[in-house]
N, C-alpha and C. Protein backbone atom coordinates (compact mmCIF):
# COMPACT_ATOMS: atom_id res chain seq x y z
N UNK A 1 -9.85 -6.77 89.85
CA UNK A 1 -10.57 -7.79 89.12
C UNK A 1 -11.97 -7.35 88.77
N UNK A 2 -12.58 -6.71 89.70
CA UNK A 2 -13.95 -6.30 89.45
C UNK A 2 -14.03 -5.27 88.33
N UNK A 3 -13.00 -4.41 88.23
CA UNK A 3 -12.97 -3.43 87.13
C UNK A 3 -12.78 -4.13 85.80
N UNK A 4 -11.91 -5.13 85.79
CA UNK A 4 -11.64 -5.88 84.56
C UNK A 4 -12.90 -6.62 84.11
N UNK A 5 -13.59 -7.26 85.00
CA UNK A 5 -14.81 -7.98 84.62
C UNK A 5 -15.90 -7.02 84.19
N UNK A 6 -15.94 -5.85 84.80
CA UNK A 6 -16.95 -4.85 84.41
C UNK A 6 -16.69 -4.36 82.99
N UNK A 7 -15.41 -4.13 82.67
CA UNK A 7 -15.06 -3.68 81.30
C UNK A 7 -15.36 -4.76 80.27
N UNK A 8 -15.01 -5.99 80.58
CA UNK A 8 -15.29 -7.09 79.65
C UNK A 8 -16.78 -7.27 79.45
N UNK A 9 -17.54 -7.13 80.50
CA UNK A 9 -18.99 -7.23 80.40
C UNK A 9 -19.56 -6.11 79.54
N UNK A 10 -19.01 -4.90 79.70
CA UNK A 10 -19.48 -3.75 78.89
C UNK A 10 -19.13 -3.96 77.42
N UNK A 11 -17.93 -4.48 77.16
CA UNK A 11 -17.51 -4.75 75.77
C UNK A 11 -18.41 -5.78 75.12
N UNK A 12 -18.75 -6.84 75.88
CA UNK A 12 -19.64 -7.86 75.33
C UNK A 12 -21.00 -7.27 75.01
N UNK A 13 -21.45 -6.40 75.90
CA UNK A 13 -22.74 -5.75 75.70
C UNK A 13 -22.70 -4.86 74.44
N UNK A 14 -21.58 -4.13 74.23
CA UNK A 14 -21.41 -3.27 73.04
C UNK A 14 -21.36 -4.13 71.79
N UNK A 15 -20.65 -5.27 71.84
CA UNK A 15 -20.55 -6.14 70.68
C UNK A 15 -21.91 -6.69 70.27
N UNK A 16 -22.79 -6.93 71.26
CA UNK A 16 -24.13 -7.41 70.93
C UNK A 16 -24.97 -6.31 70.30
N UNK A 17 -24.78 -5.07 70.73
CA UNK A 17 -25.60 -3.96 70.24
C UNK A 17 -25.16 -3.50 68.84
N UNK A 18 -23.86 -3.46 68.57
CA UNK A 18 -23.33 -2.90 67.32
C UNK A 18 -23.89 -3.58 66.08
N UNK A 19 -23.92 -4.93 65.96
CA UNK A 19 -24.48 -5.52 64.74
C UNK A 19 -25.94 -5.16 64.52
N UNK A 20 -26.67 -5.01 65.61
CA UNK A 20 -28.09 -4.68 65.47
C UNK A 20 -28.24 -3.26 64.95
N UNK A 21 -27.44 -2.32 65.49
CA UNK A 21 -27.55 -0.93 65.07
C UNK A 21 -26.95 -0.71 63.68
N UNK A 22 -25.92 -1.47 63.28
CA UNK A 22 -25.28 -1.28 61.98
C UNK A 22 -26.23 -1.58 60.84
N UNK A 23 -27.15 -2.52 61.05
CA UNK A 23 -28.07 -2.85 59.97
C UNK A 23 -29.08 -1.74 59.72
N UNK A 24 -29.32 -0.91 60.71
CA UNK A 24 -30.31 0.16 60.54
C UNK A 24 -29.70 1.45 60.02
N UNK A 25 -28.37 1.50 59.79
CA UNK A 25 -27.72 2.71 59.28
C UNK A 25 -27.82 2.72 57.76
N UNK A 26 -28.28 3.83 57.21
CA UNK A 26 -28.39 3.99 55.75
C UNK A 26 -27.51 5.15 55.31
N UNK A 27 -26.94 5.02 54.11
CA UNK A 27 -26.13 6.11 53.55
C UNK A 27 -26.80 6.63 52.29
N UNK A 28 -26.50 7.85 51.97
CA UNK A 28 -27.07 8.47 50.77
C UNK A 28 -26.10 8.44 49.60
N UNK A 29 -25.31 7.35 49.47
CA UNK A 29 -24.31 7.26 48.40
C UNK A 29 -24.97 7.30 47.03
N UNK A 30 -26.12 6.65 46.89
CA UNK A 30 -26.81 6.63 45.60
C UNK A 30 -27.26 8.03 45.21
N UNK A 31 -27.72 8.79 46.21
CA UNK A 31 -28.16 10.15 45.92
C UNK A 31 -26.98 11.04 45.56
N UNK A 32 -25.84 10.81 46.21
CA UNK A 32 -24.66 11.63 45.93
C UNK A 32 -24.08 11.34 44.56
N UNK A 33 -24.27 10.13 44.03
CA UNK A 33 -23.72 9.77 42.72
C UNK A 33 -24.26 10.68 41.63
N UNK A 34 -25.57 10.92 41.64
CA UNK A 34 -26.19 11.78 40.62
C UNK A 34 -25.66 13.20 40.72
N UNK A 35 -25.51 13.70 41.97
CA UNK A 35 -24.98 15.05 42.15
C UNK A 35 -23.53 15.14 41.67
N UNK A 36 -22.73 14.11 41.98
CA UNK A 36 -21.33 14.10 41.55
C UNK A 36 -21.24 14.08 40.03
N UNK A 37 -22.12 13.31 39.39
CA UNK A 37 -22.13 13.23 37.93
C UNK A 37 -22.45 14.59 37.31
N UNK A 38 -23.44 15.28 37.91
CA UNK A 38 -23.82 16.61 37.41
C UNK A 38 -22.66 17.59 37.55
N UNK A 39 -21.98 17.55 38.71
CA UNK A 39 -20.84 18.44 38.93
C UNK A 39 -19.71 18.13 37.96
N UNK A 40 -19.47 16.83 37.71
CA UNK A 40 -18.40 16.44 36.79
C UNK A 40 -18.70 16.93 35.37
N UNK A 41 -19.96 16.75 34.92
CA UNK A 41 -20.34 17.20 33.58
C UNK A 41 -20.22 18.72 33.46
N UNK A 42 -20.57 19.43 34.52
CA UNK A 42 -20.47 20.89 34.48
C UNK A 42 -19.02 21.35 34.41
N UNK A 43 -18.11 20.58 35.02
CA UNK A 43 -16.70 20.98 35.02
C UNK A 43 -15.97 20.59 33.74
N UNK A 44 -16.56 19.70 32.91
CA UNK A 44 -15.92 19.30 31.66
C UNK A 44 -15.90 20.45 30.67
N UNK A 45 -14.87 20.51 29.78
CA UNK A 45 -14.87 21.57 28.76
C UNK A 45 -16.00 21.36 27.76
N UNK A 46 -16.36 22.44 27.07
CA UNK A 46 -17.44 22.37 26.09
C UNK A 46 -17.06 21.44 24.95
N UNK A 47 -18.07 20.81 24.34
CA UNK A 47 -17.83 19.87 23.25
C UNK A 47 -17.25 20.60 22.05
N UNK A 48 -16.19 20.02 21.47
CA UNK A 48 -15.52 20.64 20.33
C UNK A 48 -16.36 20.44 19.08
N UNK A 49 -16.72 21.52 18.43
CA UNK A 49 -17.54 21.46 17.23
C UNK A 49 -16.70 21.48 15.96
N UNK A 50 -15.39 21.32 16.08
CA UNK A 50 -14.53 21.29 14.89
C UNK A 50 -13.58 22.47 14.89
N UNK A 51 -12.63 22.41 13.99
CA UNK A 51 -11.63 23.45 13.86
C UNK A 51 -12.20 24.64 13.11
N UNK A 52 -11.76 25.83 13.46
CA UNK A 52 -12.22 27.03 12.76
C UNK A 52 -11.70 26.98 11.33
N UNK A 53 -12.56 27.26 10.39
CA UNK A 53 -12.19 27.23 8.97
C UNK A 53 -12.47 25.90 8.32
N UNK A 54 -12.90 24.94 9.09
CA UNK A 54 -13.18 23.62 8.55
C UNK A 54 -14.62 23.56 8.08
N UNK A 55 -14.83 23.07 6.86
CA UNK A 55 -16.18 22.98 6.32
C UNK A 55 -16.74 21.60 6.64
N UNK A 56 -17.99 21.56 7.05
CA UNK A 56 -18.64 20.31 7.39
C UNK A 56 -19.84 20.12 6.48
N UNK A 57 -19.96 18.93 5.92
CA UNK A 57 -21.10 18.61 5.06
C UNK A 57 -21.86 17.48 5.71
N UNK A 58 -23.15 17.67 5.87
CA UNK A 58 -24.00 16.63 6.44
C UNK A 58 -24.38 15.67 5.33
N UNK A 59 -23.97 14.41 5.45
CA UNK A 59 -24.21 13.42 4.40
C UNK A 59 -25.69 13.17 4.20
N UNK A 60 -26.47 13.18 5.29
CA UNK A 60 -27.90 12.91 5.17
C UNK A 60 -28.61 13.92 4.28
N UNK A 61 -28.20 15.19 4.36
CA UNK A 61 -28.85 16.20 3.51
C UNK A 61 -28.53 15.95 2.04
N UNK A 62 -27.31 15.47 1.76
CA UNK A 62 -26.96 15.16 0.37
C UNK A 62 -27.79 13.99 -0.15
N UNK A 63 -28.01 13.00 0.69
CA UNK A 63 -28.80 11.84 0.27
C UNK A 63 -30.25 12.25 0.03
N UNK A 64 -30.78 13.11 0.90
CA UNK A 64 -32.16 13.57 0.73
C UNK A 64 -32.34 14.41 -0.52
N UNK A 65 -31.29 15.17 -0.91
CA UNK A 65 -31.38 15.99 -2.11
C UNK A 65 -31.12 15.18 -3.37
N UNK A 66 -30.79 13.91 -3.22
CA UNK A 66 -30.42 13.04 -4.35
C UNK A 66 -29.20 13.62 -5.09
N UNK A 67 -28.22 14.07 -4.30
CA UNK A 67 -27.01 14.63 -4.90
C UNK A 67 -26.25 13.53 -5.63
N UNK A 68 -25.51 13.96 -6.64
CA UNK A 68 -24.80 13.01 -7.47
C UNK A 68 -23.41 12.76 -6.87
N UNK A 69 -23.16 11.53 -6.44
CA UNK A 69 -21.89 11.20 -5.81
C UNK A 69 -20.85 10.74 -6.82
N UNK A 70 -21.28 10.05 -7.86
CA UNK A 70 -20.35 9.42 -8.79
C UNK A 70 -20.39 10.13 -10.14
N UNK A 71 -19.25 10.17 -10.85
CA UNK A 71 -19.21 10.86 -12.14
C UNK A 71 -20.01 10.12 -13.21
N UNK A 72 -20.46 10.88 -14.20
CA UNK A 72 -21.13 10.29 -15.35
C UNK A 72 -20.56 10.92 -16.62
N UNK A 73 -21.23 10.76 -17.74
CA UNK A 73 -20.70 11.24 -19.03
C UNK A 73 -20.59 12.76 -19.07
N UNK A 74 -21.45 13.47 -18.36
CA UNK A 74 -21.44 14.94 -18.42
C UNK A 74 -20.49 15.58 -17.40
N UNK A 75 -19.86 14.80 -16.55
CA UNK A 75 -18.99 15.36 -15.50
C UNK A 75 -17.77 16.06 -16.09
N UNK A 76 -17.20 15.53 -17.16
CA UNK A 76 -15.97 16.10 -17.73
C UNK A 76 -16.17 17.53 -18.20
N UNK A 77 -17.36 17.86 -18.69
CA UNK A 77 -17.61 19.21 -19.20
C UNK A 77 -18.33 20.10 -18.19
N UNK A 78 -18.65 19.56 -17.03
CA UNK A 78 -19.35 20.35 -16.01
C UNK A 78 -18.46 21.47 -15.51
N UNK A 79 -19.02 22.67 -15.32
CA UNK A 79 -18.24 23.83 -14.92
C UNK A 79 -18.19 23.97 -13.40
N UNK A 80 -16.99 24.26 -12.89
CA UNK A 80 -16.77 24.56 -11.48
C UNK A 80 -16.01 25.87 -11.42
N UNK A 81 -16.67 26.93 -10.93
CA UNK A 81 -16.10 28.29 -10.92
C UNK A 81 -15.63 28.71 -12.31
N UNK A 82 -16.38 28.34 -13.32
CA UNK A 82 -16.07 28.75 -14.69
C UNK A 82 -15.04 27.89 -15.38
N UNK A 83 -14.55 26.83 -14.74
CA UNK A 83 -13.53 25.94 -15.33
C UNK A 83 -14.15 24.57 -15.52
N UNK A 84 -14.00 23.96 -16.71
CA UNK A 84 -14.52 22.59 -16.90
C UNK A 84 -13.79 21.62 -15.97
N UNK A 85 -14.49 20.56 -15.58
CA UNK A 85 -13.94 19.58 -14.64
C UNK A 85 -12.63 18.98 -15.15
N UNK A 86 -12.56 18.68 -16.45
CA UNK A 86 -11.35 18.03 -16.97
C UNK A 86 -10.18 19.00 -17.14
N UNK A 87 -10.36 20.30 -16.85
CA UNK A 87 -9.25 21.26 -16.90
C UNK A 87 -8.89 21.81 -15.52
N UNK A 88 -9.46 21.23 -14.48
CA UNK A 88 -9.12 21.67 -13.12
C UNK A 88 -7.73 21.16 -12.74
N UNK A 89 -6.98 21.93 -11.94
CA UNK A 89 -5.69 21.43 -11.44
C UNK A 89 -5.90 20.21 -10.54
N UNK A 90 -4.90 19.34 -10.52
CA UNK A 90 -5.00 18.09 -9.77
C UNK A 90 -4.01 18.13 -8.61
N UNK A 91 -4.49 17.81 -7.42
CA UNK A 91 -3.64 17.72 -6.23
C UNK A 91 -3.42 16.24 -5.93
N UNK A 92 -2.20 15.77 -6.10
CA UNK A 92 -1.85 14.36 -5.87
C UNK A 92 -1.28 14.21 -4.46
N UNK A 93 -1.88 13.33 -3.69
CA UNK A 93 -1.41 13.06 -2.33
C UNK A 93 -0.87 11.64 -2.30
N UNK A 94 0.44 11.50 -2.07
CA UNK A 94 1.08 10.19 -2.00
C UNK A 94 1.36 9.91 -0.53
N UNK A 95 0.66 8.93 0.02
CA UNK A 95 0.73 8.65 1.46
C UNK A 95 1.45 7.33 1.68
N UNK A 96 2.37 7.32 2.63
CA UNK A 96 2.98 6.06 3.08
C UNK A 96 3.03 6.11 4.61
N UNK A 97 3.50 5.05 5.20
CA UNK A 97 3.57 5.03 6.67
C UNK A 97 4.69 5.93 7.19
N UNK A 98 5.64 6.30 6.31
CA UNK A 98 6.78 7.10 6.74
C UNK A 98 6.73 8.56 6.33
N UNK A 99 5.92 8.92 5.34
CA UNK A 99 5.92 10.28 4.82
C UNK A 99 4.64 10.54 4.04
N UNK A 100 4.37 11.81 3.77
CA UNK A 100 3.26 12.21 2.91
C UNK A 100 3.79 13.25 1.94
N UNK A 101 3.64 12.99 0.65
CA UNK A 101 4.11 13.90 -0.39
C UNK A 101 2.90 14.43 -1.14
N UNK A 102 2.79 15.75 -1.23
CA UNK A 102 1.65 16.39 -1.90
C UNK A 102 2.19 17.21 -3.06
N UNK A 103 1.64 16.98 -4.24
CA UNK A 103 2.04 17.76 -5.42
C UNK A 103 0.80 18.30 -6.12
N UNK A 104 0.95 19.46 -6.73
CA UNK A 104 -0.14 20.07 -7.50
C UNK A 104 0.32 20.16 -8.95
N UNK A 105 -0.48 19.60 -9.85
CA UNK A 105 -0.18 19.64 -11.28
C UNK A 105 -1.33 20.32 -12.00
N UNK A 106 -1.06 20.81 -13.22
CA UNK A 106 -2.17 21.31 -14.02
C UNK A 106 -2.88 20.12 -14.66
N UNK A 107 -3.92 20.38 -15.44
CA UNK A 107 -4.73 19.28 -15.97
C UNK A 107 -3.96 18.42 -16.97
N UNK A 108 -2.84 18.94 -17.52
CA UNK A 108 -2.03 18.14 -18.45
C UNK A 108 -1.05 17.24 -17.71
N UNK A 109 -0.86 17.47 -16.42
CA UNK A 109 0.05 16.66 -15.63
C UNK A 109 1.39 17.31 -15.39
N UNK A 110 1.55 18.58 -15.77
CA UNK A 110 2.82 19.30 -15.56
C UNK A 110 2.89 19.74 -14.10
N UNK A 111 3.99 19.37 -13.44
CA UNK A 111 4.16 19.66 -12.01
C UNK A 111 4.32 21.15 -11.77
N UNK A 112 3.55 21.69 -10.83
CA UNK A 112 3.63 23.12 -10.48
C UNK A 112 4.15 23.33 -9.05
N UNK A 113 3.67 22.54 -8.11
CA UNK A 113 4.09 22.66 -6.71
C UNK A 113 4.31 21.28 -6.13
N UNK A 114 5.25 21.17 -5.21
CA UNK A 114 5.45 19.91 -4.49
C UNK A 114 5.93 20.21 -3.08
N UNK A 115 5.36 19.53 -2.12
CA UNK A 115 5.76 19.66 -0.72
C UNK A 115 5.69 18.29 -0.07
N UNK A 116 6.52 18.07 0.92
CA UNK A 116 6.45 16.84 1.70
C UNK A 116 6.61 17.19 3.18
N UNK A 117 6.36 16.22 4.02
CA UNK A 117 6.47 16.46 5.46
C UNK A 117 7.92 16.76 5.85
N UNK A 118 8.87 16.17 5.13
CA UNK A 118 10.27 16.44 5.39
C UNK A 118 10.65 17.87 5.05
N UNK A 119 10.11 18.39 3.94
CA UNK A 119 10.38 19.78 3.55
C UNK A 119 9.79 20.74 4.59
N UNK A 120 8.67 20.37 5.18
CA UNK A 120 8.02 21.22 6.18
C UNK A 120 8.80 21.29 7.49
N UNK A 121 9.78 20.42 7.67
CA UNK A 121 10.60 20.46 8.88
C UNK A 121 10.39 19.31 9.84
N UNK A 122 9.52 18.37 9.49
CA UNK A 122 9.33 17.20 10.35
C UNK A 122 10.43 16.19 10.05
N UNK A 123 11.00 15.62 11.09
CA UNK A 123 12.11 14.69 10.92
C UNK A 123 11.74 13.30 11.43
N UNK A 124 12.40 12.31 10.84
CA UNK A 124 12.31 10.91 11.27
C UNK A 124 10.87 10.41 11.37
N UNK A 125 10.48 9.85 12.50
CA UNK A 125 9.15 9.23 12.59
C UNK A 125 8.03 10.26 12.60
N UNK A 126 8.33 11.52 12.90
CA UNK A 126 7.27 12.54 12.90
C UNK A 126 6.76 12.83 11.50
N UNK A 127 7.54 12.48 10.48
CA UNK A 127 7.09 12.70 9.10
C UNK A 127 5.87 11.85 8.77
N UNK A 128 5.72 10.72 9.43
CA UNK A 128 4.62 9.82 9.13
C UNK A 128 3.34 10.10 9.89
N UNK A 129 3.29 11.17 10.66
CA UNK A 129 2.10 11.44 11.47
C UNK A 129 1.04 12.20 10.69
N UNK A 130 -0.17 12.17 11.20
CA UNK A 130 -1.26 12.89 10.54
C UNK A 130 -1.14 14.40 10.72
N UNK A 131 -0.50 14.85 11.79
CA UNK A 131 -0.31 16.28 12.01
C UNK A 131 0.66 16.84 10.98
N UNK A 132 1.71 16.07 10.67
CA UNK A 132 2.67 16.51 9.65
C UNK A 132 1.99 16.60 8.29
N UNK A 133 1.14 15.63 7.96
CA UNK A 133 0.42 15.65 6.68
C UNK A 133 -0.50 16.85 6.59
N UNK A 134 -1.18 17.16 7.68
CA UNK A 134 -2.10 18.30 7.68
C UNK A 134 -1.34 19.62 7.53
N UNK A 135 -0.21 19.76 8.21
CA UNK A 135 0.59 20.98 8.11
C UNK A 135 1.13 21.16 6.69
N UNK A 136 1.55 20.06 6.07
CA UNK A 136 2.04 20.11 4.69
C UNK A 136 0.93 20.52 3.74
N UNK A 137 -0.25 19.97 3.94
CA UNK A 137 -1.39 20.29 3.08
C UNK A 137 -1.81 21.75 3.22
N UNK A 138 -1.78 22.28 4.43
CA UNK A 138 -2.14 23.68 4.64
C UNK A 138 -1.16 24.59 3.92
N UNK A 139 0.14 24.28 4.01
CA UNK A 139 1.14 25.15 3.37
C UNK A 139 1.05 25.09 1.84
N UNK A 140 0.84 23.89 1.27
CA UNK A 140 0.77 23.80 -0.20
C UNK A 140 -0.53 24.42 -0.72
N UNK A 141 -1.60 24.34 0.06
CA UNK A 141 -2.85 24.96 -0.39
C UNK A 141 -2.74 26.48 -0.35
N UNK A 142 -1.99 27.02 0.62
CA UNK A 142 -1.77 28.47 0.67
C UNK A 142 -0.99 28.93 -0.56
N UNK A 143 0.00 28.14 -0.98
CA UNK A 143 0.78 28.49 -2.18
C UNK A 143 -0.07 28.37 -3.44
N UNK A 144 -0.95 27.36 -3.48
CA UNK A 144 -1.83 27.18 -4.64
C UNK A 144 -2.82 28.34 -4.75
N UNK A 145 -3.32 28.81 -3.62
CA UNK A 145 -4.24 29.96 -3.63
C UNK A 145 -3.51 31.21 -4.11
N UNK A 146 -2.23 31.37 -3.72
CA UNK A 146 -1.42 32.50 -4.21
C UNK A 146 -1.29 32.47 -5.72
N UNK A 147 -1.17 31.27 -6.29
CA UNK A 147 -1.05 31.13 -7.75
C UNK A 147 -2.40 31.29 -8.46
N UNK A 148 -3.48 31.41 -7.70
CA UNK A 148 -4.79 31.65 -8.29
C UNK A 148 -5.65 30.42 -8.44
N UNK A 149 -5.23 29.29 -7.88
CA UNK A 149 -6.04 28.07 -7.95
C UNK A 149 -6.90 27.99 -6.69
N UNK A 150 -8.20 28.01 -6.90
CA UNK A 150 -9.11 27.92 -5.76
C UNK A 150 -9.86 26.58 -5.75
N UNK A 151 -10.08 26.00 -6.93
CA UNK A 151 -10.84 24.76 -7.06
C UNK A 151 -9.92 23.68 -7.61
N UNK A 152 -9.85 22.53 -6.96
CA UNK A 152 -8.96 21.45 -7.39
C UNK A 152 -9.66 20.10 -7.32
N UNK A 153 -9.07 19.14 -8.03
CA UNK A 153 -9.43 17.73 -7.87
C UNK A 153 -8.35 17.10 -7.01
N UNK A 154 -8.70 16.11 -6.24
CA UNK A 154 -7.72 15.45 -5.35
C UNK A 154 -7.62 13.98 -5.72
N UNK A 155 -6.38 13.50 -5.84
CA UNK A 155 -6.13 12.07 -6.05
C UNK A 155 -5.26 11.58 -4.90
N UNK A 156 -5.73 10.58 -4.19
CA UNK A 156 -5.01 10.02 -3.04
C UNK A 156 -4.46 8.66 -3.44
N UNK A 157 -3.19 8.42 -3.10
CA UNK A 157 -2.56 7.14 -3.44
C UNK A 157 -1.79 6.65 -2.23
N UNK A 158 -2.04 5.42 -1.83
CA UNK A 158 -1.31 4.82 -0.72
C UNK A 158 -2.11 4.79 0.57
N UNK A 159 -1.57 4.03 1.52
CA UNK A 159 -2.21 3.87 2.83
C UNK A 159 -1.28 4.41 3.91
N UNK A 160 -1.83 5.16 4.82
CA UNK A 160 -1.03 5.70 5.91
C UNK A 160 -1.85 6.62 6.78
N UNK A 161 -1.24 7.13 7.84
CA UNK A 161 -1.99 7.98 8.77
C UNK A 161 -2.36 9.34 8.21
N UNK A 162 -1.73 9.77 7.12
CA UNK A 162 -1.97 11.13 6.61
C UNK A 162 -3.03 11.25 5.54
N UNK A 163 -3.77 10.19 5.28
CA UNK A 163 -4.76 10.23 4.18
C UNK A 163 -5.83 11.30 4.39
N UNK A 164 -6.60 11.14 5.44
CA UNK A 164 -7.72 12.05 5.68
C UNK A 164 -7.26 13.43 6.15
N UNK A 165 -6.21 13.46 6.95
CA UNK A 165 -5.75 14.74 7.47
C UNK A 165 -5.15 15.62 6.38
N UNK A 166 -4.58 15.02 5.32
CA UNK A 166 -4.07 15.82 4.21
C UNK A 166 -5.22 16.49 3.47
N UNK A 167 -6.30 15.76 3.24
CA UNK A 167 -7.48 16.34 2.58
C UNK A 167 -8.07 17.45 3.45
N UNK A 168 -8.12 17.21 4.75
CA UNK A 168 -8.63 18.20 5.69
C UNK A 168 -7.76 19.46 5.66
N UNK A 169 -6.44 19.28 5.57
CA UNK A 169 -5.52 20.41 5.52
C UNK A 169 -5.69 21.23 4.25
N UNK A 170 -5.92 20.56 3.12
CA UNK A 170 -6.17 21.28 1.86
C UNK A 170 -7.41 22.15 1.99
N UNK A 171 -8.43 21.61 2.60
CA UNK A 171 -9.69 22.33 2.78
C UNK A 171 -9.49 23.51 3.73
N UNK A 172 -8.74 23.30 4.82
CA UNK A 172 -8.49 24.37 5.78
C UNK A 172 -7.64 25.47 5.18
N UNK A 173 -6.79 25.14 4.21
CA UNK A 173 -5.93 26.13 3.56
C UNK A 173 -6.66 27.01 2.57
N UNK A 174 -7.92 26.71 2.29
CA UNK A 174 -8.70 27.59 1.41
C UNK A 174 -9.01 27.02 0.04
N UNK A 175 -8.68 25.76 -0.21
CA UNK A 175 -8.98 25.16 -1.51
C UNK A 175 -10.38 24.55 -1.49
N UNK A 176 -11.07 24.67 -2.62
CA UNK A 176 -12.38 24.06 -2.79
C UNK A 176 -12.17 22.73 -3.50
N UNK A 177 -12.43 21.62 -2.81
CA UNK A 177 -12.20 20.28 -3.38
C UNK A 177 -13.47 19.82 -4.06
N UNK A 178 -13.34 19.53 -5.37
CA UNK A 178 -14.50 19.13 -6.17
C UNK A 178 -14.68 17.62 -6.13
N UNK A 179 -13.59 16.87 -6.29
CA UNK A 179 -13.70 15.41 -6.28
C UNK A 179 -12.50 14.80 -5.60
N UNK A 180 -12.72 13.64 -5.01
CA UNK A 180 -11.64 12.87 -4.37
C UNK A 180 -11.59 11.51 -5.03
N UNK A 181 -10.43 11.18 -5.59
CA UNK A 181 -10.23 9.89 -6.27
C UNK A 181 -9.19 9.11 -5.50
N UNK A 182 -9.46 7.83 -5.26
CA UNK A 182 -8.50 6.97 -4.58
C UNK A 182 -7.78 6.14 -5.63
N UNK A 183 -6.49 6.41 -5.82
CA UNK A 183 -5.68 5.70 -6.81
C UNK A 183 -4.75 4.69 -6.16
N UNK A 184 -5.09 4.18 -5.01
CA UNK A 184 -4.23 3.21 -4.32
C UNK A 184 -4.16 1.93 -5.14
N UNK A 185 -2.94 1.48 -5.49
CA UNK A 185 -2.84 0.25 -6.29
C UNK A 185 -3.26 -0.98 -5.48
N UNK A 186 -4.08 -1.80 -6.07
CA UNK A 186 -4.54 -3.03 -5.43
C UNK A 186 -4.14 -4.19 -6.32
N UNK A 187 -3.39 -5.14 -5.77
CA UNK A 187 -2.96 -6.30 -6.54
C UNK A 187 -3.97 -7.42 -6.34
N UNK A 188 -4.57 -7.88 -7.44
CA UNK A 188 -5.54 -8.97 -7.35
C UNK A 188 -4.85 -10.33 -7.46
N UNK A 189 -3.57 -10.34 -7.82
CA UNK A 189 -2.80 -11.58 -7.89
C UNK A 189 -1.47 -11.35 -7.19
N UNK A 190 -1.49 -11.23 -5.86
CA UNK A 190 -0.25 -10.89 -5.14
C UNK A 190 0.73 -12.06 -5.13
N UNK A 191 1.98 -11.81 -4.75
CA UNK A 191 2.96 -12.89 -4.67
C UNK A 191 2.53 -13.96 -3.67
N UNK A 192 2.96 -15.18 -3.93
CA UNK A 192 2.59 -16.29 -3.05
C UNK A 192 3.18 -16.07 -1.67
N UNK A 193 2.38 -16.24 -0.60
CA UNK A 193 2.90 -16.02 0.75
C UNK A 193 3.86 -17.13 1.17
N UNK A 194 4.61 -16.86 2.21
CA UNK A 194 5.54 -17.87 2.73
C UNK A 194 4.78 -19.03 3.32
N UNK A 195 5.45 -20.19 3.35
CA UNK A 195 4.79 -21.37 3.92
C UNK A 195 4.60 -21.17 5.42
N UNK A 196 3.64 -21.88 5.97
CA UNK A 196 3.31 -21.75 7.38
C UNK A 196 4.43 -22.33 8.23
N UNK A 197 4.72 -21.68 9.34
CA UNK A 197 5.76 -22.17 10.24
C UNK A 197 5.35 -23.49 10.85
N UNK A 198 6.28 -24.41 10.94
CA UNK A 198 6.00 -25.68 11.62
C UNK A 198 6.61 -25.61 13.01
N UNK A 199 5.78 -25.80 14.00
CA UNK A 199 6.26 -25.70 15.39
C UNK A 199 6.43 -27.07 15.99
């Protein structure tokens, strides 16, 4: 009995001391957070500055130079690599949610090259991805460069994931894009919508 009472008395004494001592314990968790953050940042891969072969234009520099963004009366006769603007070949990009079709025509509208994501080997839902559109654009731009076309106009039609990546692919393939025109049809008087559901 005396041993049992001695142990219980010691435990009570420890229970009284522990809360007092626990309040005086400090941890350096806040200090370790900054060190952990530094280590994590050091272990991260370097920031990607873009794909090799991709041209980047800083918009602010164009605004400061008062560059001309929109066409005017003299644009049609303006020379690009010795070719007037209105005689440049046209690259038509037809984008949908399921596929991207890219064709290159001469300035009269005669079809010279045509490629689609399906022709490139993408099947089913992969045809509608931005990677498929970029791969198609790179291949058609390589063929256009083989035919001697280095400078083109681009016309984009439709909405889908391949819009910007197709233009990027044309640029990566070696084509110099002079202008980008959006020919997406917009209906200002669409069909009347269905009546609202009654619940």
